[in-house]
Amino acid sequence: MAEKKIENKIVMLTIKEAAALVEGLTEYRVRELCKSGKLPCFKAGKKYLINKDILYKYLNGELVVQ
């Protein structure tokens, strides 16, 4: 029996892409959340990269960073 390979891709978003996903969320607000450490992300060069799944969890209140 052939095994099904399930790959979970990690999708990273720039600030612009994250803001575009959510109506009413501005690039400025996403950047401030990143800078303050409230939204987990990392910097690649000059760009902040945000995990898409973590963004959704944060916005749904499932993820609280202190």
PDB file of N, CA and C in Angstrom:
ATOM      1  N   MET A   1       0.845  -1.175   0.000  1.00  0.00           N
ATOM      2  CA  MET A   1       0.000   0.000   0.000  1.00  0.00           C
ATOM      3  C   MET A   1       0.897   1.247   0.000  1.00  0.00           C
ATOM      4  N   ALA A   2       0.652   2.106  -0.903  1.00  0.00           N
ATOM      5  CA  ALA A   2       1.449   3.325  -1.019  1.00  0.00           C
ATOM      6  C   ALA A   2       1.045   4.318   0.069  1.00  0.00           C
ATOM      7  N   GLU A   3       2.054   4.872   0.727  1.00  0.00           N
ATOM      8  CA  GLU A   3       1.774   5.868   1.773  1.00  0.00           C
ATOM      9  C   GLU A   3       1.556   7.229   1.139  1.00  0.00           C
ATOM     10  N   LYS A   4       0.614   7.943   1.695  1.00  0.00           N
ATOM     11  CA  LYS A   4       0.373   9.309   1.239  1.00  0.00           C
ATOM     12  C   LYS A   4       1.323  10.222   1.979  1.00  0.00           C
ATOM     13  N   LYS A   5       2.042  11.011   1.225  1.00  0.00           N
ATOM     14  CA  LYS A   5       2.940  11.976   1.848  1.00  0.00           C
ATOM     15  C   LYS A   5       2.199  13.291   1.985  1.00  0.00           C
ATOM     16  N   ILE A   6       2.085  13.758   3.195  1.00  0.00           N
ATOM     17  CA  ILE A   6       1.445  15.043   3.438  1.00  0.00           C
ATOM     18  C   ILE A   6       2.530  16.014   3.879  1.00  0.00           C
ATOM     19  N   GLU A   7       2.714  17.035   3.079  1.00  0.00           N
ATOM     20  CA  GLU A   7       3.702  18.045   3.414  1.00  0.00           C
ATOM     21  C   GLU A   7       2.990  19.310   3.843  1.00  0.00           C
ATOM     22  N   ASN A   8       3.342  19.777   4.998  1.00  0.00           N
ATOM     23  CA  ASN A   8       2.798  21.046   5.466  1.00  0.00           C
ATOM     24  C   ASN A   8       3.787  22.131   5.091  1.00  0.00           C
ATOM     25  N   LYS A   9       3.377  22.959   4.154  1.00  0.00           N
ATOM     26  CA  LYS A   9       4.246  24.049   3.747  1.00  0.00           C
ATOM     27  C   LYS A   9       4.125  25.190   4.736  1.00  0.00           C
ATOM     28  N   ILE A  10       5.243  25.772   5.030  1.00  0.00           N
ATOM     29  CA  ILE A  10       5.257  26.959   5.871  1.00  0.00           C
ATOM     30  C   ILE A  10       5.183  28.158   4.937  1.00  0.00           C
ATOM     31  N   VAL A  11       4.158  28.964   5.134  1.00  0.00           N
ATOM     32  CA  VAL A  11       3.967  30.135   4.285  1.00  0.00           C
ATOM     33  C   VAL A  11       4.336  31.369   5.091  1.00  0.00           C
ATOM     34  N   MET A  12       5.306  32.096   4.573  1.00  0.00           N
ATOM     35  CA  MET A  12       5.741  33.326   5.219  1.00  0.00           C
ATOM     36  C   MET A  12       5.234  34.518   4.419  1.00  0.00           C
ATOM     37  N   LEU A  13       4.815  35.551   5.127  1.00  0.00           N
ATOM     38  CA  LEU A  13       4.261  36.744   4.508  1.00  0.00           C
ATOM     39  C   LEU A  13       5.094  37.974   4.854  1.00  0.00           C
ATOM     40  N   THR A  14       5.167  38.896   3.925  1.00  0.00           N
ATOM     41  CA  THR A  14       5.759  40.189   4.233  1.00  0.00           C
ATOM     42  C   THR A  14       4.681  41.019   4.929  1.00  0.00           C
ATOM     43  N   ILE A  15       5.055  42.164   5.432  1.00  0.00           N
ATOM     44  CA  ILE A  15       4.086  43.045   6.087  1.00  0.00           C
ATOM     45  C   ILE A  15       2.979  43.433   5.110  1.00  0.00           C
ATOM     46  N   LYS A  16       3.362  43.726   3.897  1.00  0.00           N
ATOM     47  CA  LYS A  16       2.388  44.131   2.872  1.00  0.00           C
ATOM     48  C   LYS A  16       1.397  43.001   2.591  1.00  0.00           C
ATOM     49  N   GLU A  17       1.897  41.782   2.468  1.00  0.00           N
ATOM     50  CA  GLU A  17       1.034  40.630   2.197  1.00  0.00           C
ATOM     51  C   GLU A  17       0.113  40.330   3.379  1.00  0.00           C
ATOM     52  N   ALA A  18       0.638  40.450   4.592  1.00  0.00           N
ATOM     53  CA  ALA A  18      -0.169  40.198   5.785  1.00  0.00           C
ATOM     54  C   ALA A  18      -1.306  41.213   5.893  1.00  0.00           C
ATOM     55  N   ALA A  19      -1.005  42.469   5.624  1.00  0.00           N
ATOM     56  CA  ALA A  19      -2.026  43.518   5.691  1.00  0.00           C
ATOM     57  C   ALA A  19      -3.079  43.312   4.606  1.00  0.00           C
ATOM     58  N   ALA A  20      -2.675  42.835   3.448  1.00  0.00           N
ATOM     59  CA  ALA A  20      -3.613  42.621   2.344  1.00  0.00           C
ATOM     60  C   ALA A  20      -4.564  41.459   2.617  1.00  0.00           C
ATOM     61  N   LEU A  21      -4.162  40.523   3.458  1.00  0.00           N
ATOM     62  CA  LEU A  21      -5.000  39.369   3.774  1.00  0.00           C
ATOM     63  C   LEU A  21      -6.208  39.729   4.624  1.00  0.00           C
ATOM     64  N   VAL A  22      -6.058  40.747   5.451  1.00  0.00           N
ATOM     65  CA  VAL A  22      -7.098  41.076   6.420  1.00  0.00           C
ATOM     66  C   VAL A  22      -7.628  42.477   6.152  1.00  0.00           C
ATOM     67  N   GLU A  23      -8.905  42.551   5.837  1.00  0.00           N
ATOM     68  CA  GLU A  23      -9.513  43.856   5.584  1.00  0.00           C
ATOM     69  C   GLU A  23      -9.504  44.686   6.862  1.00  0.00           C
ATOM     70  N   GLY A  24      -9.038  45.907   6.749  1.00  0.00           N
ATOM     71  CA  GLY A  24      -8.985  46.797   7.902  1.00  0.00           C
ATOM     72  C   GLY A  24      -7.663  46.784   8.644  1.00  0.00           C
ATOM     73  N   LEU A  25      -6.784  45.848   8.310  1.00  0.00           N
ATOM     74  CA  LEU A  25      -5.471  45.777   8.940  1.00  0.00           C
ATOM     75  C   LEU A  25      -4.469  46.494   8.041  1.00  0.00           C
ATOM     76  N   THR A  26      -3.821  47.504   8.590  1.00  0.00           N
ATOM     77  CA  THR A  26      -2.895  48.298   7.786  1.00  0.00           C
ATOM     78  C   THR A  26      -1.469  47.775   7.913  1.00  0.00           C
ATOM     79  N   GLU A  27      -0.642  48.151   6.953  1.00  0.00           N
ATOM     80  CA  GLU A  27       0.768  47.793   7.000  1.00  0.00           C
ATOM     81  C   GLU A  27       1.427  48.398   8.239  1.00  0.00           C
ATOM     82  N   TYR A  28       1.024  49.617   8.562  1.00  0.00           N
ATOM     83  CA  TYR A  28       1.575  50.293   9.742  1.00  0.00           C
ATOM     84  C   TYR A  28       1.306  49.473  11.005  1.00  0.00           C
ATOM     85  N   ARG A  29       0.070  48.993  11.153  1.00  0.00           N
ATOM     86  CA  ARG A  29      -0.298  48.229  12.352  1.00  0.00           C
ATOM     87  C   ARG A  29       0.460  46.908  12.422  1.00  0.00           C
ATOM     88  N   VAL A  30       0.592  46.230  11.293  1.00  0.00           N
ATOM     89  CA  VAL A  30       1.334  44.960  11.271  1.00  0.00           C
ATOM     90  C   VAL A  30       2.788  45.216  11.664  1.00  0.00           C
ATOM     91  N   ARG A  31       3.373  46.273  11.125  1.00  0.00           N
ATOM     92  CA  ARG A  31       4.766  46.621  11.450  1.00  0.00           C
ATOM     93  C   ARG A  31       4.920  46.911  12.935  1.00  0.00           C
ATOM     94  N   GLU A  32       3.978  47.656  13.507  1.00  0.00           N
ATOM     95  CA  GLU A  32       4.039  47.970  14.942  1.00  0.00           C
ATOM     96  C   GLU A  32       3.899  46.710  15.797  1.00  0.00           C
ATOM     97  N   LEU A  33       3.045  45.775  15.389  1.00  0.00           N
ATOM     98  CA  LEU A  33       2.903  44.512  16.117  1.00  0.00           C
ATOM     99  C   LEU A  33       4.204  43.716  16.076  1.00  0.00           C
ATOM    100  N   CYS A  34       4.877  43.753  14.941  1.00  0.00           N
ATOM    101  CA  CYS A  34       6.168  43.056  14.803  1.00  0.00           C
ATOM    102  C   CYS A  34       7.229  43.712  15.672  1.00  0.00           C
ATOM    103  N   LYS A  35       7.335  45.022  15.574  1.00  0.00           N
ATOM    104  CA  LYS A  35       8.359  45.753  16.332  1.00  0.00           C
ATOM    105  C   LYS A  35       8.184  45.602  17.831  1.00  0.00           C
ATOM    106  N   SER A  36       6.931  45.579  18.293  1.00  0.00           N
ATOM    107  CA  SER A  36       6.665  45.499  19.728  1.00  0.00           C
ATOM    108  C   SER A  36       6.817  44.070  20.264  1.00  0.00           C
ATOM    109  N   GLY A  37       6.889  43.094  19.353  1.00  0.00           N
ATOM    110  CA  GLY A  37       7.022  41.705  19.777  1.00  0.00           C
ATOM    111  C   GLY A  37       5.694  41.036  20.061  1.00  0.00           C
ATOM    112  N   LYS A  38       4.589  41.724  19.819  1.00  0.00           N
ATOM    113  CA  LYS A  38       3.271  41.137  20.058  1.00  0.00           C
ATOM    114  C   LYS A  38       2.900  40.095  19.011  1.00  0.00           C
ATOM    115  N   LEU A  39       3.450  40.254  17.812  1.00  0.00           N
ATOM    116  CA  LEU A  39       3.230  39.296  16.728  1.00  0.00           C
ATOM    117  C   LEU A  39       4.566  38.632  16.413  1.00  0.00           C
ATOM    118  N   PRO A  40       4.679  37.322  16.656  1.00  0.00           N
ATOM    119  CA  PRO A  40       5.939  36.642  16.385  1.00  0.00           C
ATOM    120  C   PRO A  40       6.312  36.727  14.906  1.00  0.00           C
ATOM    121  N   CYS A  41       7.535  37.125  14.659  1.00  0.00           N
ATOM    122  CA  CYS A  41       8.039  37.242  13.293  1.00  0.00           C
ATOM    123  C   CYS A  41       9.551  37.258  13.357  1.00  0.00           C
ATOM    124  N   PHE A  42      10.186  37.300  12.212  1.00  0.00           N
ATOM    125  CA  PHE A  42      11.632  37.478  12.207  1.00  0.00           C
ATOM    126  C   PHE A  42      12.014  38.368  11.042  1.00  0.00           C
ATOM    127  N   LYS A  43      13.206  38.895  11.131  1.00  0.00           N
ATOM    128  CA  LYS A  43      13.689  39.808  10.115  1.00  0.00           C
ATOM    129  C   LYS A  43      14.644  39.083   9.183  1.00  0.00           C
ATOM    130  N   ALA A  44      14.382  39.242   7.897  1.00  0.00           N
ATOM    131  CA  ALA A  44      15.267  38.702   6.865  1.00  0.00           C
ATOM    132  C   ALA A  44      15.774  39.906   6.085  1.00  0.00           C
ATOM    133  N   GLY A  45      16.962  40.336   6.408  1.00  0.00           N
ATOM    134  CA  GLY A  45      17.464  41.573   5.820  1.00  0.00           C
ATOM    135  C   GLY A  45      16.709  42.743   6.421  1.00  0.00           C
ATOM    136  N   LYS A  46      16.039  43.498   5.582  1.00  0.00           N
ATOM    137  CA  LYS A  46      15.263  44.632   6.061  1.00  0.00           C
ATOM    138  C   LYS A  46      13.780  44.299   6.215  1.00  0.00           C
ATOM    139  N   LYS A  47      13.382  43.108   5.767  1.00  0.00           N
ATOM    140  CA  LYS A  47      11.963  42.746   5.772  1.00  0.00           C
ATOM    141  C   LYS A  47      11.594  41.893   6.971  1.00  0.00           C
ATOM    142  N   TYR A  48      10.413  42.169   7.524  1.00  0.00           N
ATOM    143  CA  TYR A  48       9.841  41.303   8.535  1.00  0.00           C
ATOM    144  C   TYR A  48       9.081  40.199   7.815  1.00  0.00           C
ATOM    145  N   LEU A  49       9.242  38.965   8.282  1.00  0.00           N
ATOM    146  CA  LEU A  49       8.496  37.842   7.736  1.00  0.00           C
ATOM    147  C   LEU A  49       7.628  37.249   8.829  1.00  0.00           C
ATOM    148  N   ILE A  50       6.366  37.013   8.475  1.00  0.00           N
ATOM    149  CA  ILE A  50       5.368  36.558   9.431  1.00  0.00           C
ATOM    150  C   ILE A  50       4.792  35.241   8.935  1.00  0.00           C
ATOM    151  N   ASN A  51       4.755  34.251   9.810  1.00  0.00           N
ATOM    152  CA  ASN A  51       4.159  32.969   9.464  1.00  0.00           C
ATOM    153  C   ASN A  51       2.647  33.155   9.334  1.00  0.00           C
ATOM    154  N   LYS A  52       2.079  32.696   8.227  1.00  0.00           N
ATOM    155  CA  LYS A  52       0.654  32.887   7.941  1.00  0.00           C
ATOM    156  C   LYS A  52      -0.232  32.236   9.007  1.00  0.00           C
ATOM    157  N   ASP A  53       0.101  31.019   9.418  1.00  0.00           N
ATOM    158  CA  ASP A  53      -0.693  30.320  10.435  1.00  0.00           C
ATOM    159  C   ASP A  53      -0.644  31.055  11.771  1.00  0.00           C
ATOM    160  N   ILE A  54       0.520  31.558  12.132  1.00  0.00           N
ATOM    161  CA  ILE A  54       0.659  32.298  13.390  1.00  0.00           C
ATOM    162  C   ILE A  54      -0.122  33.601  13.328  1.00  0.00           C
ATOM    163  N   LEU A  55      -0.126  34.256  12.178  1.00  0.00           N
ATOM    164  CA  LEU A  55      -0.910  35.484  12.014  1.00  0.00           C
ATOM    165  C   LEU A  55      -2.392  35.209  12.265  1.00  0.00           C
ATOM    166  N   TYR A  56      -2.915  34.143  11.657  1.00  0.00           N
ATOM    167  CA  TYR A  56      -4.330  33.800  11.851  1.00  0.00           C
ATOM    168  C   TYR A  56      -4.629  33.461  13.306  1.00  0.00           C
ATOM    169  N   LYS A  57      -3.733  32.710  13.950  1.00  0.00           N
ATOM    170  CA  LYS A  57      -3.939  32.373  15.358  1.00  0.00           C
ATOM    171  C   LYS A  57      -3.934  33.628  16.222  1.00  0.00           C
ATOM    172  N   TYR A  58      -3.029  34.546  15.938  1.00  0.00           N
ATOM    173  CA  TYR A  58      -2.956  35.788  16.701  1.00  0.00           C
ATOM    174  C   TYR A  58      -4.240  36.598  16.538  1.00  0.00           C
ATOM    175  N   LEU A  59      -4.713  36.715  15.308  1.00  0.00           N
ATOM    176  CA  LEU A  59      -5.915  37.489  15.037  1.00  0.00           C
ATOM    177  C   LEU A  59      -7.178  36.852  15.617  1.00  0.00           C
ATOM    178  N   ASN A  60      -7.180  35.516  15.748  1.00  0.00           N
ATOM    179  CA  ASN A  60      -8.322  34.814  16.339  1.00  0.00           C
ATOM    180  C   ASN A  60      -8.246  34.755  17.866  1.00  0.00           C
ATOM    181  N   GLY A  61      -7.175  35.290  18.430  1.00  0.00           N
ATOM    182  CA  GLY A  61      -7.032  35.291  19.883  1.00  0.00           C
ATOM    183  C   GLY A  61      -6.524  33.983  20.451  1.00  0.00           C
ATOM    184  N   GLU A  62      -6.065  33.084  19.576  1.00  0.00           N
ATOM    185  CA  GLU A  62      -5.562  31.787  20.028  1.00  0.00           C
ATOM    186  C   GLU A  62      -4.102  31.868  20.473  1.00  0.00           C
ATOM    187  N   LEU A  63      -3.435  32.949  20.117  1.00  0.00           N
ATOM    188  CA  LEU A  63      -2.019  33.103  20.421  1.00  0.00           C
ATOM    189  C   LEU A  63      -1.810  34.426  21.131  1.00  0.00           C
ATOM    190  N   VAL A  64      -1.285  34.358  22.350  1.00  0.00           N
ATOM    191  CA  VAL A  64      -1.011  35.572  23.094  1.00  0.00           C
ATOM    192  C   VAL A  64       0.467  35.573  23.451  1.00  0.00           C
ATOM    193  N   VAL A  65       1.162  36.597  23.007  1.00  0.00           N
ATOM    194  CA  VAL A  65       2.592  36.739  23.293  1.00  0.00           C
ATOM    195  C   VAL A  65       2.760  37.803  24.346  1.00  0.00           C
ATOM    196  N   GLN A  66       3.552  37.476  25.368  1.00  0.00           N
ATOM    197  CA  GLN A  66       3.746  38.446  26.453  1.00  0.00           C
ATOM    198  C   GLN A  66       5.171  38.894  26.533  1.00  0.00           C
TER     199      GLN A  66
END
